[in-house]
Amino acid sequence: MVEPTRKEAGCISYELLQNQTDHTDFTFVEEWTSDAAIDAHLTTKHIADALTKLAGLVSSEPDIRRYNVVKKEN
């Protein structure tokens, strides 16, 4: 899921992180060029496939939050 997402139009970065103390806790940190790019990402086949596979494995609904970059360092 990570590699196909990184190739999507509008994807600036896409990282899967694992909690250092709770190895069952994962998070994605993503940066996209626009909300439209994120919305398109959420409709891709690889995301639909991943959600189907994860359905019986996760303990709760995902906590999805969107943020804006305050200041981008060059």
PDB file of N, CA and C in Angstrom:
ATOM      1  N   MET A   1       0.811  -1.185   0.000  1.00  0.00           N
ATOM      2  CA  MET A   1       0.000   0.000   0.000  1.00  0.00           C
ATOM      3  C   MET A   1       0.860   1.258   0.000  1.00  0.00           C
ATOM      4  N   VAL A   2       1.995   1.229   0.660  1.00  0.00           N
ATOM      5  CA  VAL A   2       2.843   2.422   0.747  1.00  0.00           C
ATOM      6  C   VAL A   2       3.422   2.785  -0.615  1.00  0.00           C
ATOM      7  N   GLU A   3       4.031   1.836  -1.290  1.00  0.00           N
ATOM      8  CA  GLU A   3       4.679   2.147  -2.571  1.00  0.00           C
ATOM      9  C   GLU A   3       3.700   2.627  -3.642  1.00  0.00           C
ATOM     10  N   PRO A   4       2.545   1.958  -3.828  1.00  0.00           N
ATOM     11  CA  PRO A   4       1.608   2.480  -4.830  1.00  0.00           C
ATOM     12  C   PRO A   4       1.121   3.887  -4.491  1.00  0.00           C
ATOM     13  N   THR A   5       0.938   4.155  -3.212  1.00  0.00           N
ATOM     14  CA  THR A   5       0.477   5.483  -2.803  1.00  0.00           C
ATOM     15  C   THR A   5       1.524   6.533  -3.112  1.00  0.00           C
ATOM     16  N   ARG A   6       2.774   6.234  -2.872  1.00  0.00           N
ATOM     17  CA  ARG A   6       3.839   7.208  -3.146  1.00  0.00           C
ATOM     18  C   ARG A   6       3.918   7.584  -4.623  1.00  0.00           C
ATOM     19  N   LYS A   7       3.389   6.729  -5.493  1.00  0.00           N
ATOM     20  CA  LYS A   7       3.409   6.992  -6.936  1.00  0.00           C
ATOM     21  C   LYS A   7       2.178   7.760  -7.411  1.00  0.00           C
ATOM     22  N   GLU A   8       1.226   7.983  -6.528  1.00  0.00           N
ATOM     23  CA  GLU A   8      -0.004   8.667  -6.915  1.00  0.00           C
ATOM     24  C   GLU A   8       0.247  10.145  -7.195  1.00  0.00           C
ATOM     25  N   ALA A   9      -0.538  10.680  -8.124  1.00  0.00           N
ATOM     26  CA  ALA A   9      -0.488  12.118  -8.404  1.00  0.00           C
ATOM     27  C   ALA A   9      -0.873  12.876  -7.140  1.00  0.00           C
ATOM     28  N   GLY A  10      -0.088  13.871  -6.800  1.00  0.00           N
ATOM     29  CA  GLY A  10      -0.388  14.701  -5.642  1.00  0.00           C
ATOM     30  C   GLY A  10       0.238  14.250  -4.341  1.00  0.00           C
ATOM     31  N   CYS A  11       0.859  13.067  -4.317  1.00  0.00           N
ATOM     32  CA  CYS A  11       1.494  12.587  -3.088  1.00  0.00           C
ATOM     33  C   CYS A  11       2.878  13.208  -2.949  1.00  0.00           C
ATOM     34  N   ILE A  12       3.078  13.972  -1.892  1.00  0.00           N
ATOM     35  CA  ILE A  12       4.386  14.561  -1.601  1.00  0.00           C
ATOM     36  C   ILE A  12       5.185  13.597  -0.734  1.00  0.00           C
ATOM     37  N   SER A  13       4.551  13.061   0.314  1.00  0.00           N
ATOM     38  CA  SER A  13       5.200  12.048   1.151  1.00  0.00           C
ATOM     39  C   SER A  13       4.127  11.180   1.794  1.00  0.00           C
ATOM     40  N   TYR A  14       4.508   9.932   2.095  1.00  0.00           N
ATOM     41  CA  TYR A  14       3.573   8.961   2.660  1.00  0.00           C
ATOM     42  C   TYR A  14       4.395   7.975   3.473  1.00  0.00           C
ATOM     43  N   GLU A  15       4.277   8.047   4.795  1.00  0.00           N
ATOM     44  CA  GLU A  15       5.090   7.214   5.682  1.00  0.00           C
ATOM     45  C   GLU A  15       4.199   6.420   6.630  1.00  0.00           C
ATOM     46  N   LEU A  16       4.520   5.155   6.825  1.00  0.00           N
ATOM     47  CA  LEU A  16       3.861   4.311   7.812  1.00  0.00           C
ATOM     48  C   LEU A  16       4.792   4.212   9.015  1.00  0.00           C
ATOM     49  N   LEU A  17       4.287   4.611  10.186  1.00  0.00           N
ATOM     50  CA  LEU A  17       5.084   4.608  11.407  1.00  0.00           C
ATOM     51  C   LEU A  17       4.501   3.620  12.412  1.00  0.00           C
ATOM     52  N   GLN A  18       5.389   2.972  13.186  1.00  0.00           N
ATOM     53  CA  GLN A  18       4.977   2.047  14.234  1.00  0.00           C
ATOM     54  C   GLN A  18       5.411   2.606  15.580  1.00  0.00           C
ATOM     55  N   ASN A  19       4.502   2.592  16.538  1.00  0.00           N
ATOM     56  CA  ASN A  19       4.784   3.061  17.889  1.00  0.00           C
ATOM     57  C   ASN A  19       5.936   2.244  18.481  1.00  0.00           C
ATOM     58  N   GLN A  20       6.883   2.917  19.121  1.00  0.00           N
ATOM     59  CA  GLN A  20       8.068   2.236  19.660  1.00  0.00           C
ATOM     60  C   GLN A  20       7.756   1.372  20.874  1.00  0.00           C
ATOM     61  N   THR A  21       6.703   1.693  21.614  1.00  0.00           N
ATOM     62  CA  THR A  21       6.388   0.905  22.808  1.00  0.00           C
ATOM     63  C   THR A  21       5.172   0.002  22.628  1.00  0.00           C
ATOM     64  N   ASP A  22       4.243   0.392  21.784  1.00  0.00           N
ATOM     65  CA  ASP A  22       3.068  -0.430  21.494  1.00  0.00           C
ATOM     66  C   ASP A  22       3.141  -0.837  20.028  1.00  0.00           C
ATOM     67  N   HIS A  23       3.654  -2.012  19.791  1.00  0.00           N
ATOM     68  CA  HIS A  23       3.913  -2.463  18.426  1.00  0.00           C
ATOM     69  C   HIS A  23       2.651  -2.804  17.637  1.00  0.00           C
ATOM     70  N   THR A  24       1.484  -2.669  18.281  1.00  0.00           N
ATOM     71  CA  THR A  24       0.220  -2.850  17.565  1.00  0.00           C
ATOM     72  C   THR A  24      -0.366  -1.516  17.112  1.00  0.00           C
ATOM     73  N   ASP A  25       0.327  -0.433  17.417  1.00  0.00           N
ATOM     74  CA  ASP A  25      -0.151   0.921  17.109  1.00  0.00           C
ATOM     75  C   ASP A  25       0.627   1.481  15.921  1.00  0.00           C
ATOM     76  N   PHE A  26      -0.091   1.764  14.846  1.00  0.00           N
ATOM     77  CA  PHE A  26       0.516   2.297  13.624  1.00  0.00           C
ATOM     78  C   PHE A  26      -0.146   3.614  13.257  1.00  0.00           C
ATOM     79  N   THR A  27       0.591   4.446  12.545  1.00  0.00           N
ATOM     80  CA  THR A  27       0.009   5.674  12.015  1.00  0.00           C
ATOM     81  C   THR A  27       0.636   5.992  10.668  1.00  0.00           C
ATOM     82  N   PHE A  28      -0.131   6.635   9.830  1.00  0.00           N
ATOM     83  CA  PHE A  28       0.375   7.152   8.565  1.00  0.00           C
ATOM     84  C   PHE A  28       0.556   8.648   8.707  1.00  0.00           C
ATOM     85  N   VAL A  29       1.667   9.155   8.215  1.00  0.00           N
ATOM     86  CA  VAL A  29       1.888  10.596   8.110  1.00  0.00           C
ATOM     87  C   VAL A  29       2.012  10.869   6.623  1.00  0.00           C
ATOM     88  N   GLU A  30       1.102  11.693   6.132  1.00  0.00           N
ATOM     89  CA  GLU A  30       0.994  11.912   4.687  1.00  0.00           C
ATOM     90  C   GLU A  30       1.043  13.399   4.381  1.00  0.00           C
ATOM     91  N   GLU A  31       1.599  13.732   3.240  1.00  0.00           N
ATOM     92  CA  GLU A  31       1.545  15.110   2.753  1.00  0.00           C
ATOM     93  C   GLU A  31       1.104  15.063   1.296  1.00  0.00           C
ATOM     94  N   TRP A  32       0.085  15.855   0.990  1.00  0.00           N
ATOM     95  CA  TRP A  32      -0.533  15.878  -0.332  1.00  0.00           C
ATOM     96  C   TRP A  32      -0.571  17.304  -0.853  1.00  0.00           C
ATOM     97  N   THR A  33      -0.649  17.425  -2.156  1.00  0.00           N
ATOM     98  CA  THR A  33      -0.687  18.752  -2.772  1.00  0.00           C
ATOM     99  C   THR A  33      -2.027  19.442  -2.577  1.00  0.00           C
ATOM    100  N   SER A  34      -3.102  18.654  -2.353  1.00  0.00           N
ATOM    101  CA  SER A  34      -4.432  19.254  -2.211  1.00  0.00           C
ATOM    102  C   SER A  34      -5.397  18.268  -1.560  1.00  0.00           C
ATOM    103  N   ASP A  35      -6.519  18.788  -1.086  1.00  0.00           N
ATOM    104  CA  ASP A  35      -7.571  17.918  -0.562  1.00  0.00           C
ATOM    105  C   ASP A  35      -8.108  17.003  -1.657  1.00  0.00           C
ATOM    106  N   ALA A  36      -8.167  17.501  -2.885  1.00  0.00           N
ATOM    107  CA  ALA A  36      -8.645  16.680  -4.001  1.00  0.00           C
ATOM    108  C   ALA A  36      -7.736  15.467  -4.213  1.00  0.00           C
ATOM    109  N   ALA A  37      -6.434  15.643  -4.045  1.00  0.00           N
ATOM    110  CA  ALA A  37      -5.493  14.526  -4.188  1.00  0.00           C
ATOM    111  C   ALA A  37      -5.708  13.492  -3.087  1.00  0.00           C
ATOM    112  N   ILE A  38      -5.965  13.942  -1.867  1.00  0.00           N
ATOM    113  CA  ILE A  38      -6.252  13.014  -0.761  1.00  0.00           C
ATOM    114  C   ILE A  38      -7.543  12.253  -1.054  1.00  0.00           C
ATOM    115  N   ASP A  39      -8.561  12.989  -1.471  1.00  0.00           N
ATOM    116  CA  ASP A  39      -9.848  12.359  -1.758  1.00  0.00           C
ATOM    117  C   ASP A  39      -9.713  11.311  -2.860  1.00  0.00           C
ATOM    118  N   ALA A  40      -8.927  11.599  -3.883  1.00  0.00           N
ATOM    119  CA  ALA A  40      -8.689  10.628  -4.957  1.00  0.00           C
ATOM    120  C   ALA A  40      -7.956   9.407  -4.412  1.00  0.00           C
ATOM    121  N   HIS A  41      -6.981   9.628  -3.544  1.00  0.00           N
ATOM    122  CA  HIS A  41      -6.227   8.536  -2.914  1.00  0.00           C
ATOM    123  C   HIS A  41      -7.161   7.583  -2.174  1.00  0.00           C
ATOM    124  N   LEU A  42      -8.127   8.142  -1.469  1.00  0.00           N
ATOM    125  CA  LEU A  42      -9.033   7.322  -0.667  1.00  0.00           C
ATOM    126  C   LEU A  42      -9.967   6.457  -1.508  1.00  0.00           C
ATOM    127  N   THR A  43     -10.029   6.697  -2.808  1.00  0.00           N
ATOM    128  CA  THR A  43     -10.885   5.895  -3.689  1.00  0.00           C
ATOM    129  C   THR A  43     -10.100   4.887  -4.531  1.00  0.00           C
ATOM    130  N   THR A  44      -8.789   4.771  -4.298  1.00  0.00           N
ATOM    131  CA  THR A  44      -7.975   3.857  -5.103  1.00  0.00           C
ATOM    132  C   THR A  44      -8.216   2.397  -4.714  1.00  0.00           C
ATOM    133  N   LYS A  45      -7.930   1.509  -5.647  1.00  0.00           N
ATOM    134  CA  LYS A  45      -8.108   0.073  -5.413  1.00  0.00           C
ATOM    135  C   LYS A  45      -7.209  -0.425  -4.289  1.00  0.00           C
ATOM    136  N   HIS A  46      -5.952   0.041  -4.233  1.00  0.00           N
ATOM    137  CA  HIS A  46      -5.058  -0.479  -3.188  1.00  0.00           C
ATOM    138  C   HIS A  46      -5.511  -0.057  -1.788  1.00  0.00           C
ATOM    139  N   ILE A  47      -6.149   1.087  -1.661  1.00  0.00           N
ATOM    140  CA  ILE A  47      -6.684   1.486  -0.352  1.00  0.00           C
ATOM    141  C   ILE A  47      -7.916   0.649  -0.025  1.00  0.00           C
ATOM    142  N   ALA A  48      -8.805   0.455  -0.986  1.00  0.00           N
ATOM    143  CA  ALA A  48      -9.985  -0.390  -0.763  1.00  0.00           C
ATOM    144  C   ALA A  48      -9.572  -1.804  -0.374  1.00  0.00           C
ATOM    145  N   ASP A  49      -8.580  -2.350  -1.056  1.00  0.00           N
ATOM    146  CA  ASP A  49      -8.086  -3.695  -0.738  1.00  0.00           C
ATOM    147  C   ASP A  49      -7.509  -3.749   0.670  1.00  0.00           C
ATOM    148  N   ALA A  50      -6.738  -2.744   1.044  1.00  0.00           N
ATOM    149  CA  ALA A  50      -6.134  -2.706   2.383  1.00  0.00           C
ATOM    150  C   ALA A  50      -7.208  -2.617   3.462  1.00  0.00           C
ATOM    151  N   LEU A  51      -8.215  -1.797   3.249  1.00  0.00           N
ATOM    152  CA  LEU A  51      -9.289  -1.663   4.236  1.00  0.00           C
ATOM    153  C   LEU A  51     -10.047  -2.972   4.404  1.00  0.00           C
ATOM    154  N   THR A  52     -10.241  -3.693   3.322  1.00  0.00           N
ATOM    155  CA  THR A  52     -10.903  -4.997   3.397  1.00  0.00           C
ATOM    156  C   THR A  52     -10.067  -5.972   4.213  1.00  0.00           C
ATOM    157  N   LYS A  53      -8.769  -6.000   3.966  1.00  0.00           N
ATOM    158  CA  LYS A  53      -7.877  -6.911   4.692  1.00  0.00           C
ATOM    159  C   LYS A  53      -7.785  -6.558   6.173  1.00  0.00           C
ATOM    160  N   LEU A  54      -7.830  -5.278   6.496  1.00  0.00           N
ATOM    161  CA  LEU A  54      -7.680  -4.833   7.879  1.00  0.00           C
ATOM    162  C   LEU A  54      -8.970  -4.911   8.687  1.00  0.00           C
ATOM    163  N   ALA A  55     -10.099  -5.087   8.028  1.00  0.00           N
ATOM    164  CA  ALA A  55     -11.402  -5.015   8.695  1.00  0.00           C
ATOM    165  C   ALA A  55     -11.482  -5.876   9.953  1.00  0.00           C
ATOM    166  N   GLY A  56     -10.990  -7.074   9.929  1.00  0.00           N
ATOM    167  CA  GLY A  56     -11.066  -7.944  11.095  1.00  0.00           C
ATOM    168  C   GLY A  56      -9.882  -7.855  12.029  1.00  0.00           C
ATOM    169  N   LEU A  57      -8.916  -7.009  11.709  1.00  0.00           N
ATOM    170  CA  LEU A  57      -7.681  -6.955  12.488  1.00  0.00           C
ATOM    171  C   LEU A  57      -7.549  -5.727  13.377  1.00  0.00           C
ATOM    172  N   VAL A  58      -8.325  -4.695  13.117  1.00  0.00           N
ATOM    173  CA  VAL A  58      -8.172  -3.451  13.873  1.00  0.00           C
ATOM    174  C   VAL A  58      -9.157  -3.407  15.032  1.00  0.00           C
ATOM    175  N   SER A  59      -8.759  -2.736  16.112  1.00  0.00           N
ATOM    176  CA  SER A  59      -9.593  -2.679  17.308  1.00  0.00           C
ATOM    177  C   SER A  59     -10.562  -1.504  17.308  1.00  0.00           C
ATOM    178  N   SER A  60     -10.352  -0.535  16.414  1.00  0.00           N
ATOM    179  CA  SER A  60     -11.241   0.629  16.376  1.00  0.00           C
ATOM    180  C   SER A  60     -11.186   1.276  14.998  1.00  0.00           C
ATOM    181  N   GLU A  61     -12.107   2.196  14.782  1.00  0.00           N
ATOM    182  CA  GLU A  61     -12.115   2.957  13.538  1.00  0.00           C
ATOM    183  C   GLU A  61     -10.852   3.814  13.474  1.00  0.00           C
ATOM    184  N   PRO A  62     -10.357   4.090  12.278  1.00  0.00           N
ATOM    185  CA  PRO A  62      -9.164   4.941  12.186  1.00  0.00           C
ATOM    186  C   PRO A  62      -9.460   6.368  12.650  1.00  0.00           C
ATOM    187  N   ASP A  63      -8.470   6.978  13.237  1.00  0.00           N
ATOM    188  CA  ASP A  63      -8.546   8.371  13.682  1.00  0.00           C
ATOM    189  C   ASP A  63      -7.890   9.209  12.590  1.00  0.00           C
ATOM    190  N   ILE A  64      -8.705   9.781  11.722  1.00  0.00           N
ATOM    191  CA  ILE A  64      -8.185  10.523  10.575  1.00  0.00           C
ATOM    192  C   ILE A  64      -8.319  12.012  10.839  1.00  0.00           C
ATOM    193  N   ARG A  65      -7.207  12.711  10.733  1.00  0.00           N
ATOM    194  CA  ARG A  65      -7.178  14.160  10.938  1.00  0.00           C
ATOM    195  C   ARG A  65      -6.428  14.798   9.779  1.00  0.00           C
ATOM    196  N   ARG A  66      -6.874  15.972   9.376  1.00  0.00           N
ATOM    197  CA  ARG A  66      -6.190  16.713   8.311  1.00  0.00           C
ATOM    198  C   ARG A  66      -5.632  18.004   8.901  1.00  0.00           C
ATOM    199  N   TYR A  67      -4.395  18.274   8.556  1.00  0.00           N
ATOM    200  CA  TYR A  67      -3.704  19.469   9.032  1.00  0.00           C
ATOM    201  C   TYR A  67      -3.178  20.257   7.840  1.00  0.00           C
ATOM    202  N   ASN A  68      -2.902  21.521   8.070  1.00  0.00           N
ATOM    203  CA  ASN A  68      -2.227  22.357   7.083  1.00  0.00           C
ATOM    204  C   ASN A  68      -0.814  22.633   7.561  1.00  0.00           C
ATOM    205  N   VAL A  69       0.142  22.654   6.652  1.00  0.00           N
ATOM    206  CA  VAL A  69       1.516  23.014   6.990  1.00  0.00           C
ATOM    207  C   VAL A  69       1.529  24.495   7.350  1.00  0.00           C
ATOM    208  N   VAL A  70       2.076  24.820   8.514  1.00  0.00           N
ATOM    209  CA  VAL A  70       2.132  26.209   8.950  1.00  0.00           C
ATOM    210  C   VAL A  70       3.248  26.939   8.227  1.00  0.00           C
ATOM    211  N   LYS A  71       4.415  26.322   8.203  1.00  0.00           N
ATOM    212  CA  LYS A  71       5.551  26.929   7.512  1.00  0.00           C
ATOM    213  C   LYS A  71       6.425  25.811   6.984  1.00  0.00           C
ATOM    214  N   LYS A  72       6.686  25.837   5.716  1.00  0.00           N
ATOM    215  CA  LYS A  72       7.519  24.814   5.082  1.00  0.00           C
ATOM    216  C   LYS A  72       8.957  25.317   5.049  1.00  0.00           C
ATOM    217  N   GLU A  73       9.866  24.539   5.637  1.00  0.00           N
ATOM    218  CA  GLU A  73      11.286  24.892   5.631  1.00  0.00           C
ATOM    219  C   GLU A  73      11.898  24.475   4.303  1.00  0.00           C
ATOM    220  N   ASN A  74      12.763  25.296   3.757  1.00  0.00           N
ATOM    221  CA  ASN A  74      13.423  24.968   2.483  1.00  0.00           C
ATOM    222  C   ASN A  74      14.792  24.417   2.701  1.00  0.00           C
TER     223      ASN A  74
END
